[in-house]
């Protein structure tokens, strides 16, 4: 099923009878459900996030419910979401750096990033889960979250000054960070990743600038993929690194 088709189904369920009746003298929420920014699936559920709330869809019962600040969430402005299949926590990041962990009827709020003295934006751009650690990409760096211990660990800053980190990927024993200043790499087994000297720039096949950035990176079939994100959507391109060089996979112009 395509992501667009799934989102259409979710919208139908949310606005239809699947949500159920609202009791009198209870709070009602009137939030838009026309923009979904993230979708994650578990064995039993599918979660879809809007900037304001979540929709949780039960696969077996064909039932959808809304999750918002009235019944579970601790904040507004969702900007990222992911799921840890081991602990079964859904991890939610917000524009202000706040973090929620949701499982069944439980919510665990972790406001340390939100309440930190970091200057500038603390927006959560992406959440990557690996070995029960959540790597939280923010507008100032990457923060490790131990999901089982509910505590933050190390923070990574690939440069001396804070820079926006959009995405993270693990490939060939290295960690790659997509940032506002390009792509950075460090050895995953390096014990001093908190030291910005442990990170080095990784060459890109396109020039960065005010109108171009590397916005997303992903590993697929043992190859690293990067998105060349241009200000004009029609100029976006997908690149693949085979281990020795970058190759152009496709551009918007080639598929339209």
C-alpha atoms as a PDB file:
ATOM      1  CA  UNK A   1       0.000   0.000   0.000  1.00  0.00           C
ATOM      2  CA  UNK A   2       1.381   3.427  -0.873  1.00  0.00           C
ATOM      3  CA  UNK A   3       1.865   6.042   1.817  1.00  0.00           C
ATOM      4  CA  UNK A   4      -0.609   8.367   0.086  1.00  0.00           C
ATOM      5  CA  UNK A   5      -3.271   5.649  -0.075  1.00  0.00           C
ATOM      6  CA  UNK A   6      -2.746   4.785   3.574  1.00  0.00           C
ATOM      7  CA  UNK A   7      -3.064   8.408   4.626  1.00  0.00           C
ATOM      8  CA  UNK A   8      -6.313   8.683   2.681  1.00  0.00           C
ATOM      9  CA  UNK A   9      -7.674   5.657   4.532  1.00  0.00           C
ATOM     10  CA  UNK A  10      -6.613   7.114   7.873  1.00  0.00           C
ATOM     11  CA  UNK A  11      -8.334  10.386   7.078  1.00  0.00           C
ATOM     12  CA  UNK A  12     -11.525   8.506   6.210  1.00  0.00           C
ATOM     13  CA  UNK A  13     -11.441   6.553   9.461  1.00  0.00           C
ATOM     14  CA  UNK A  14     -10.689   9.592  11.598  1.00  0.00           C
ATOM     15  CA  UNK A  15     -13.514  11.643  10.157  1.00  0.00           C
ATOM     16  CA  UNK A  16     -15.974   8.758  10.099  1.00  0.00           C
ATOM     17  CA  UNK A  17     -17.623   6.541  12.659  1.00  0.00           C
ATOM     18  CA  UNK A  18     -14.427   4.756  13.610  1.00  0.00           C
ATOM     19  CA  UNK A  19     -13.584   7.492  16.099  1.00  0.00           C
ATOM     20  CA  UNK A  20     -16.747   7.053  18.140  1.00  0.00           C
ATOM     21  CA  UNK A  21     -19.121   9.403  19.897  1.00  0.00           C
ATOM     22  CA  UNK A  22     -18.121  12.303  22.159  1.00  0.00           C
ATOM     23  CA  UNK A  23     -19.756  12.311  25.579  1.00  0.00           C
ATOM     24  CA  UNK A  24     -21.416  15.435  26.888  1.00  0.00           C
ATOM     25  CA  UNK A  25     -19.442  17.777  29.182  1.00  0.00           C
ATOM     26  CA  UNK A  26     -16.123  16.406  27.891  1.00  0.00           C
ATOM     27  CA  UNK A  27     -13.438  18.400  26.108  1.00  0.00           C
ATOM     28  CA  UNK A  28     -13.533  18.214  22.332  1.00  0.00           C
ATOM     29  CA  UNK A  29     -10.530  18.771  20.090  1.00  0.00           C
ATOM     30  CA  UNK A  30     -10.846  20.490  16.720  1.00  0.00           C
ATOM     31  CA  UNK A  31      -7.462  19.916  15.104  1.00  0.00           C
ATOM     32  CA  UNK A  32      -6.659  19.630  11.386  1.00  0.00           C
ATOM     33  CA  UNK A  33      -5.914  16.126  10.079  1.00  0.00           C
ATOM     34  CA  UNK A  34      -5.113  17.059   6.482  1.00  0.00           C
ATOM     35  CA  UNK A  35      -1.299  17.148   6.838  1.00  0.00           C
ATOM     36  CA  UNK A  36       0.586  14.028   7.927  1.00  0.00           C
ATOM     37  CA  UNK A  37       4.331  14.388   8.457  1.00  0.00           C
ATOM     38  CA  UNK A  38       5.316  10.877   9.572  1.00  0.00           C
ATOM     39  CA  UNK A  39       3.981   7.303   9.519  1.00  0.00           C
ATOM     40  CA  UNK A  40       5.307   4.301  11.493  1.00  0.00           C
ATOM     41  CA  UNK A  41       3.890   0.775  11.646  1.00  0.00           C
ATOM     42  CA  UNK A  42       4.046  -1.908  14.339  1.00  0.00           C
ATOM     43  CA  UNK A  43       2.679  -5.465  14.276  1.00  0.00           C
ATOM     44  CA  UNK A  44      -0.638  -4.283  15.704  1.00  0.00           C
ATOM     45  CA  UNK A  45      -0.827  -0.553  15.031  1.00  0.00           C
ATOM     46  CA  UNK A  46      -0.096   2.137  12.482  1.00  0.00           C
ATOM     47  CA  UNK A  47       0.718   5.598  13.822  1.00  0.00           C
ATOM     48  CA  UNK A  48       0.369   8.719  11.681  1.00  0.00           C
ATOM     49  CA  UNK A  49       1.529  12.088  12.989  1.00  0.00           C
ATOM     50  CA  UNK A  50       0.258  15.535  12.121  1.00  0.00           C
ATOM     51  CA  UNK A  51       1.922  18.668  13.534  1.00  0.00           C
ATOM     52  CA  UNK A  52      -0.829  18.752  16.168  1.00  0.00           C
ATOM     53  CA  UNK A  53      -1.770  15.179  17.069  1.00  0.00           C
ATOM     54  CA  UNK A  54      -1.464  11.472  16.253  1.00  0.00           C
ATOM     55  CA  UNK A  55      -3.806   8.946  14.725  1.00  0.00           C
ATOM     56  CA  UNK A  56      -3.457   5.362  15.973  1.00  0.00           C
ATOM     57  CA  UNK A  57      -5.008   2.726  13.730  1.00  0.00           C
ATOM     58  CA  UNK A  58      -5.653  -0.807  15.016  1.00  0.00           C
ATOM     59  CA  UNK A  59      -5.022  -3.226  12.130  1.00  0.00           C
ATOM     60  CA  UNK A  60      -7.021  -6.145  13.535  1.00  0.00           C
ATOM     61  CA  UNK A  61     -10.003  -4.161  14.826  1.00  0.00           C
ATOM     62  CA  UNK A  62     -10.152  -1.705  11.925  1.00  0.00           C
ATOM     63  CA  UNK A  63     -10.432   1.106  14.458  1.00  0.00           C
ATOM     64  CA  UNK A  64      -8.743   4.504  14.583  1.00  0.00           C
ATOM     65  CA  UNK A  65      -8.352   6.862  17.518  1.00  0.00           C
ATOM     66  CA  UNK A  66      -6.939  10.326  17.930  1.00  0.00           C
ATOM     67  CA  UNK A  67      -4.087  10.962  20.350  1.00  0.00           C
ATOM     68  CA  UNK A  68      -3.695  14.575  21.417  1.00  0.00           C
ATOM     69  CA  UNK A  69      -2.974  16.808  24.413  1.00  0.00           C
ATOM     70  CA  UNK A  70      -6.328  15.951  25.943  1.00  0.00           C
ATOM     71  CA  UNK A  71      -5.621  12.231  26.330  1.00  0.00           C
ATOM     72  CA  UNK A  72      -1.864  11.619  25.963  1.00  0.00           C
ATOM     73  CA  UNK A  73       0.445  14.195  24.387  1.00  0.00           C
ATOM     74  CA  UNK A  74       2.285  16.730  26.514  1.00  0.00           C
ATOM     75  CA  UNK A  75       2.827  19.392  23.849  1.00  0.00           C
ATOM     76  CA  UNK A  76       1.894  20.845  20.468  1.00  0.00           C
ATOM     77  CA  UNK A  77       4.014  21.142  17.337  1.00  0.00           C
ATOM     78  CA  UNK A  78       5.031  17.575  16.466  1.00  0.00           C
ATOM     79  CA  UNK A  79       8.002  17.608  14.095  1.00  0.00           C
ATOM     80  CA  UNK A  80       9.278  13.972  14.143  1.00  0.00           C
ATOM     81  CA  UNK A  81       8.235  10.468  15.200  1.00  0.00           C
ATOM     82  CA  UNK A  82       9.622   6.932  15.244  1.00  0.00           C
ATOM     83  CA  UNK A  83       9.061   3.559  16.934  1.00  0.00           C
ATOM     84  CA  UNK A  84      11.290   1.162  18.881  1.00  0.00           C
ATOM     85  CA  UNK A  85      10.117  -2.420  18.166  1.00  0.00           C
ATOM     86  CA  UNK A  86      11.994  -3.794  21.203  1.00  0.00           C
ATOM     87  CA  UNK A  87      10.541  -1.572  23.933  1.00  0.00           C
ATOM     88  CA  UNK A  88       7.404  -0.785  21.854  1.00  0.00           C
ATOM     89  CA  UNK A  89       7.611   2.905  22.689  1.00  0.00           C
ATOM     90  CA  UNK A  90       6.548   5.472  20.098  1.00  0.00           C
ATOM     91  CA  UNK A  91       8.989   8.393  20.307  1.00  0.00           C
ATOM     92  CA  UNK A  92       7.625  11.851  19.469  1.00  0.00           C
ATOM     93  CA  UNK A  93       9.704  14.987  18.974  1.00  0.00           C
ATOM     94  CA  UNK A  94       8.406  18.546  18.992  1.00  0.00           C
ATOM     95  CA  UNK A  95       9.360  21.883  17.473  1.00  0.00           C
ATOM     96  CA  UNK A  96      10.518  23.139  20.879  1.00  0.00           C
ATOM     97  CA  UNK A  97      12.724  20.109  21.632  1.00  0.00           C
ATOM     98  CA  UNK A  98      10.245  18.335  23.887  1.00  0.00           C
ATOM     99  CA  UNK A  99      10.117  14.510  23.729  1.00  0.00           C
ATOM    100  CA  UNK A 100       7.234  12.121  24.504  1.00  0.00           C
ATOM    101  CA  UNK A 101       7.358   8.334  24.753  1.00  0.00           C
ATOM    102  CA  UNK A 102       3.948   6.693  24.286  1.00  0.00           C
ATOM    103  CA  UNK A 103       3.008   3.031  24.762  1.00  0.00           C
ATOM    104  CA  UNK A 104      -0.515   1.668  25.280  1.00  0.00           C
ATOM    105  CA  UNK A 105      -2.078   4.107  27.745  1.00  0.00           C
ATOM    106  CA  UNK A 106       1.256   5.377  29.099  1.00  0.00           C
ATOM    107  CA  UNK A 107       2.998   8.658  28.333  1.00  0.00           C
ATOM    108  CA  UNK A 108       6.512   9.463  29.543  1.00  0.00           C
ATOM    109  CA  UNK A 109       7.582  13.050  28.986  1.00  0.00           C
ATOM    110  CA  UNK A 110      11.267  13.964  28.669  1.00  0.00           C
ATOM    111  CA  UNK A 111      11.583  17.778  28.588  1.00  0.00           C
ATOM    112  CA  UNK A 112      15.371  18.007  29.123  1.00  0.00           C
ATOM    113  CA  UNK A 113      16.148  19.301  25.620  1.00  0.00           C
ATOM    114  CA  UNK A 114      13.229  21.738  25.749  1.00  0.00           C
ATOM    115  CA  UNK A 115      14.387  23.057  29.138  1.00  0.00           C
ATOM    116  CA  UNK A 116      18.100  23.133  28.298  1.00  0.00           C
ATOM    117  CA  UNK A 117      20.080  26.359  28.041  1.00  0.00           C
ATOM    118  CA  UNK A 118      20.921  25.722  24.381  1.00  0.00           C
ATOM    119  CA  UNK A 119      20.647  28.990  22.493  1.00  0.00           C
ATOM    120  CA  UNK A 120      18.562  29.173  19.362  1.00  0.00           C
ATOM    121  CA  UNK A 121      16.146  26.606  17.968  1.00  0.00           C
ATOM    122  CA  UNK A 122      15.809  23.182  19.617  1.00  0.00           C
ATOM    123  CA  UNK A 123      13.547  21.715  16.940  1.00  0.00           C
ATOM    124  CA  UNK A 124      13.577  17.922  16.538  1.00  0.00           C
ATOM    125  CA  UNK A 125      14.083  17.199  12.832  1.00  0.00           C
ATOM    126  CA  UNK A 126      14.375  13.414  12.826  1.00  0.00           C
ATOM    127  CA  UNK A 127      14.489  10.439  15.207  1.00  0.00           C
ATOM    128  CA  UNK A 128      16.475   7.315  14.355  1.00  0.00           C
ATOM    129  CA  UNK A 129      16.236   4.155  16.506  1.00  0.00           C
ATOM    130  CA  UNK A 130      19.086   1.635  16.778  1.00  0.00           C
ATOM    131  CA  UNK A 131      19.677  -0.938  19.554  1.00  0.00           C
ATOM    132  CA  UNK A 132      17.134   0.757  21.873  1.00  0.00           C
ATOM    133  CA  UNK A 133      18.881   4.094  21.500  1.00  0.00           C
ATOM    134  CA  UNK A 134      17.050   6.994  19.910  1.00  0.00           C
ATOM    135  CA  UNK A 135      19.278   9.398  17.995  1.00  0.00           C
ATOM    136  CA  UNK A 136      17.470  12.710  18.075  1.00  0.00           C
ATOM    137  CA  UNK A 137      18.511  15.085  15.292  1.00  0.00           C
ATOM    138  CA  UNK A 138      17.879  18.692  16.286  1.00  0.00           C
ATOM    139  CA  UNK A 139      18.637  22.202  15.102  1.00  0.00           C
ATOM    140  CA  UNK A 140      21.779  22.255  17.276  1.00  0.00           C
ATOM    141  CA  UNK A 141      23.184  18.693  17.089  1.00  0.00           C
ATOM    142  CA  UNK A 142      22.346  15.054  17.824  1.00  0.00           C
ATOM    143  CA  UNK A 143      21.282  13.820  21.267  1.00  0.00           C
ATOM    144  CA  UNK A 144      21.316  10.153  22.309  1.00  0.00           C
ATOM    145  CA  UNK A 145      18.322   8.904  24.280  1.00  0.00           C
ATOM    146  CA  UNK A 146      18.455   5.612  26.171  1.00  0.00           C
ATOM    147  CA  UNK A 147      14.862   4.510  25.632  1.00  0.00           C
ATOM    148  CA  UNK A 148      14.829   1.862  28.371  1.00  0.00           C
ATOM    149  CA  UNK A 149      16.398   4.138  31.009  1.00  0.00           C
ATOM    150  CA  UNK A 150      14.375   7.225  29.969  1.00  0.00           C
ATOM    151  CA  UNK A 151      17.506   9.349  30.045  1.00  0.00           C
ATOM    152  CA  UNK A 152      19.623  11.341  27.628  1.00  0.00           C
ATOM    153  CA  UNK A 153      23.240  10.342  27.127  1.00  0.00           C
ATOM    154  CA  UNK A 154      25.814  11.881  24.793  1.00  0.00           C
ATOM    155  CA  UNK A 155      25.367  14.762  22.379  1.00  0.00           C
ATOM    156  CA  UNK A 156      27.174  15.078  19.041  1.00  0.00           C
ATOM    157  CA  UNK A 157      28.325  18.347  17.484  1.00  0.00           C
ATOM    158  CA  UNK A 158      30.156  17.783  14.177  1.00  0.00           C
ATOM    159  CA  UNK A 159      31.383  21.371  14.229  1.00  0.00           C
ATOM    160  CA  UNK A 160      32.481  23.667  17.004  1.00  0.00           C
ATOM    161  CA  UNK A 161      29.361  25.770  16.599  1.00  0.00           C
ATOM    162  CA  UNK A 162      25.830  24.384  16.685  1.00  0.00           C
ATOM    163  CA  UNK A 163      24.475  23.433  13.263  1.00  0.00           C
ATOM    164  CA  UNK A 164      21.158  21.978  12.145  1.00  0.00           C
ATOM    165  CA  UNK A 165      21.148  18.184  11.826  1.00  0.00           C
ATOM    166  CA  UNK A 166      18.430  16.886   9.511  1.00  0.00           C
ATOM    167  CA  UNK A 167      19.098  13.139   9.414  1.00  0.00           C
ATOM    168  CA  UNK A 168      21.420  10.350  10.575  1.00  0.00           C
ATOM    169  CA  UNK A 169      22.434   7.021   9.025  1.00  0.00           C
ATOM    170  CA  UNK A 170      24.673   4.086   9.974  1.00  0.00           C
ATOM    171  CA  UNK A 171      26.751   2.573   7.171  1.00  0.00           C
ATOM    172  CA  UNK A 172      29.967   0.510   7.051  1.00  0.00           C
ATOM    173  CA  UNK A 173      30.870   1.054  10.737  1.00  0.00           C
ATOM    174  CA  UNK A 174      30.408   4.810  10.377  1.00  0.00           C
ATOM    175  CA  UNK A 175      27.800   7.344  11.409  1.00  0.00           C
ATOM    176  CA  UNK A 176      26.697   9.913   8.832  1.00  0.00           C
ATOM    177  CA  UNK A 177      25.000  13.200   9.658  1.00  0.00           C
ATOM    178  CA  UNK A 178      23.107  15.316   7.129  1.00  0.00           C
ATOM    179  CA  UNK A 179      23.459  18.900   8.291  1.00  0.00           C
ATOM    180  CA  UNK A 180      23.029  22.509   7.224  1.00  0.00           C
ATOM    181  CA  UNK A 181      26.776  22.484   6.471  1.00  0.00           C
ATOM    182  CA  UNK A 182      26.812  19.274   4.441  1.00  0.00           C
ATOM    183  CA  UNK A 183      27.473  15.629   5.242  1.00  0.00           C
ATOM    184  CA  UNK A 184      29.685  14.534   8.158  1.00  0.00           C
ATOM    185  CA  UNK A 185      31.114  11.128   9.051  1.00  0.00           C
ATOM    186  CA  UNK A 186      32.642   9.526  12.148  1.00  0.00           C
ATOM    187  CA  UNK A 187      33.636   6.006  13.162  1.00  0.00           C
ATOM    188  CA  UNK A 188      30.720   4.437  15.014  1.00  0.00           C
ATOM    189  CA  UNK A 189      33.110   2.791  17.506  1.00  0.00           C
ATOM    190  CA  UNK A 190      34.871   6.035  18.353  1.00  0.00           C
ATOM    191  CA  UNK A 191      34.605   6.589  22.099  1.00  0.00           C
ATOM    192  CA  UNK A 192      34.893  10.375  21.686  1.00  0.00           C
ATOM    193  CA  UNK A 193      32.016  11.208  19.360  1.00  0.00           C
ATOM    194  CA  UNK A 194      31.156  14.112  21.647  1.00  0.00           C
ATOM    195  CA  UNK A 195      34.380  15.741  20.399  1.00  0.00           C
ATOM    196  CA  UNK A 196      33.727  17.613  17.165  1.00  0.00           C
ATOM    197  CA  UNK A 197      37.266  16.689  16.044  1.00  0.00           C
ATOM    198  CA  UNK A 198      36.040  13.089  15.676  1.00  0.00           C
ATOM    199  CA  UNK A 199      33.834  14.186  12.775  1.00  0.00           C
ATOM    200  CA  UNK A 200      35.020  14.968   9.281  1.00  0.00           C
ATOM    201  CA  UNK A 201      33.228  16.308   6.176  1.00  0.00           C
ATOM    202  CA  UNK A 202      32.132  13.712   3.626  1.00  0.00           C
ATOM    203  CA  UNK A 203      32.189  14.876   0.034  1.00  0.00           C
ATOM    204  CA  UNK A 204      28.925  15.434  -1.828  1.00  0.00           C
ATOM    205  CA  UNK A 205      28.318  15.355  -5.584  1.00  0.00           C
ATOM    206  CA  UNK A 206      26.575  18.737  -5.580  1.00  0.00           C
ATOM    207  CA  UNK A 207      27.350  22.220  -4.333  1.00  0.00           C
ATOM    208  CA  UNK A 208      25.699  23.414  -1.148  1.00  0.00           C
ATOM    209  CA  UNK A 209      24.382  26.924  -0.737  1.00  0.00           C
ATOM    210  CA  UNK A 210      21.505  29.089   0.389  1.00  0.00           C
ATOM    211  CA  UNK A 211      19.178  27.276  -2.009  1.00  0.00           C
ATOM    212  CA  UNK A 212      20.575  23.718  -1.725  1.00  0.00           C
ATOM    213  CA  UNK A 213      21.128  21.266   1.133  1.00  0.00           C
ATOM    214  CA  UNK A 214      21.387  17.544   1.819  1.00  0.00           C
ATOM    215  CA  UNK A 215      18.095  17.033   3.632  1.00  0.00           C
ATOM    216  CA  UNK A 216      17.855  13.240   4.017  1.00  0.00           C
ATOM    217  CA  UNK A 217      20.152  10.219   4.013  1.00  0.00           C
ATOM    218  CA  UNK A 218      19.225   6.531   4.039  1.00  0.00           C
ATOM    219  CA  UNK A 219      20.932   3.141   3.718  1.00  0.00           C
ATOM    220  CA  UNK A 220      19.341   0.649   1.336  1.00  0.00           C
ATOM    221  CA  UNK A 221      20.865  -2.602   0.074  1.00  0.00           C
ATOM    222  CA  UNK A 222      24.235  -1.645   1.573  1.00  0.00           C
ATOM    223  CA  UNK A 223      24.415   1.661  -0.270  1.00  0.00           C
ATOM    224  CA  UNK A 224      24.085   5.193   1.061  1.00  0.00           C
ATOM    225  CA  UNK A 225      21.461   7.464  -0.493  1.00  0.00           C
ATOM    226  CA  UNK A 226      21.253  11.245  -0.173  1.00  0.00           C
ATOM    227  CA  UNK A 227      18.653  13.758  -1.307  1.00  0.00           C
ATOM    228  CA  UNK A 228      19.832  16.943  -2.977  1.00  0.00           C
ATOM    229  CA  UNK A 229      17.159  19.308  -1.720  1.00  0.00           C
ATOM    230  CA  UNK A 230      16.909  22.419  -3.877  1.00  0.00           C
ATOM    231  CA  UNK A 231      14.788  25.468  -3.136  1.00  0.00           C
ATOM    232  CA  UNK A 232      12.903  24.638  -6.314  1.00  0.00           C
ATOM    233  CA  UNK A 233      11.343  21.177  -5.931  1.00  0.00           C
ATOM    234  CA  UNK A 234      11.731  20.561  -9.660  1.00  0.00           C
ATOM    235  CA  UNK A 235      15.524  20.546  -9.220  1.00  0.00           C
ATOM    236  CA  UNK A 236      15.691  17.919  -6.424  1.00  0.00           C
ATOM    237  CA  UNK A 237      17.804  14.811  -7.069  1.00  0.00           C
ATOM    238  CA  UNK A 238      18.515  11.433  -5.450  1.00  0.00           C
ATOM    239  CA  UNK A 239      22.144  10.291  -5.220  1.00  0.00           C
ATOM    240  CA  UNK A 240      23.665   6.908  -4.306  1.00  0.00           C
ATOM    241  CA  UNK A 241      27.119   6.192  -2.894  1.00  0.00           C
ATOM    242  CA  UNK A 242      28.368   2.723  -3.806  1.00  0.00           C
ATOM    243  CA  UNK A 243      31.367   2.808  -1.465  1.00  0.00           C
ATOM    244  CA  UNK A 244      33.710   4.438  -3.932  1.00  0.00           C
ATOM    245  CA  UNK A 245      31.762   7.237  -5.622  1.00  0.00           C
ATOM    246  CA  UNK A 246      28.434   9.010  -5.943  1.00  0.00           C
ATOM    247  CA  UNK A 247      26.014   8.153  -8.739  1.00  0.00           C
ATOM    248  CA  UNK A 248      22.910  10.060  -9.776  1.00  0.00           C
ATOM    249  CA  UNK A 249      19.876   7.796  -9.321  1.00  0.00           C
ATOM    250  CA  UNK A 250      17.169  10.153 -10.500  1.00  0.00           C
ATOM    251  CA  UNK A 251      16.123  13.769 -10.584  1.00  0.00           C
ATOM    252  CA  UNK A 252      12.706  15.342 -10.540  1.00  0.00           C
ATOM    253  CA  UNK A 253      13.124  16.298 -14.185  1.00  0.00           C
ATOM    254  CA  UNK A 254      13.812  12.688 -15.179  1.00  0.00           C
ATOM    255  CA  UNK A 255      10.630  11.279 -13.622  1.00  0.00           C
ATOM    256  CA  UNK A 256       8.243  14.012 -14.718  1.00  0.00           C
END
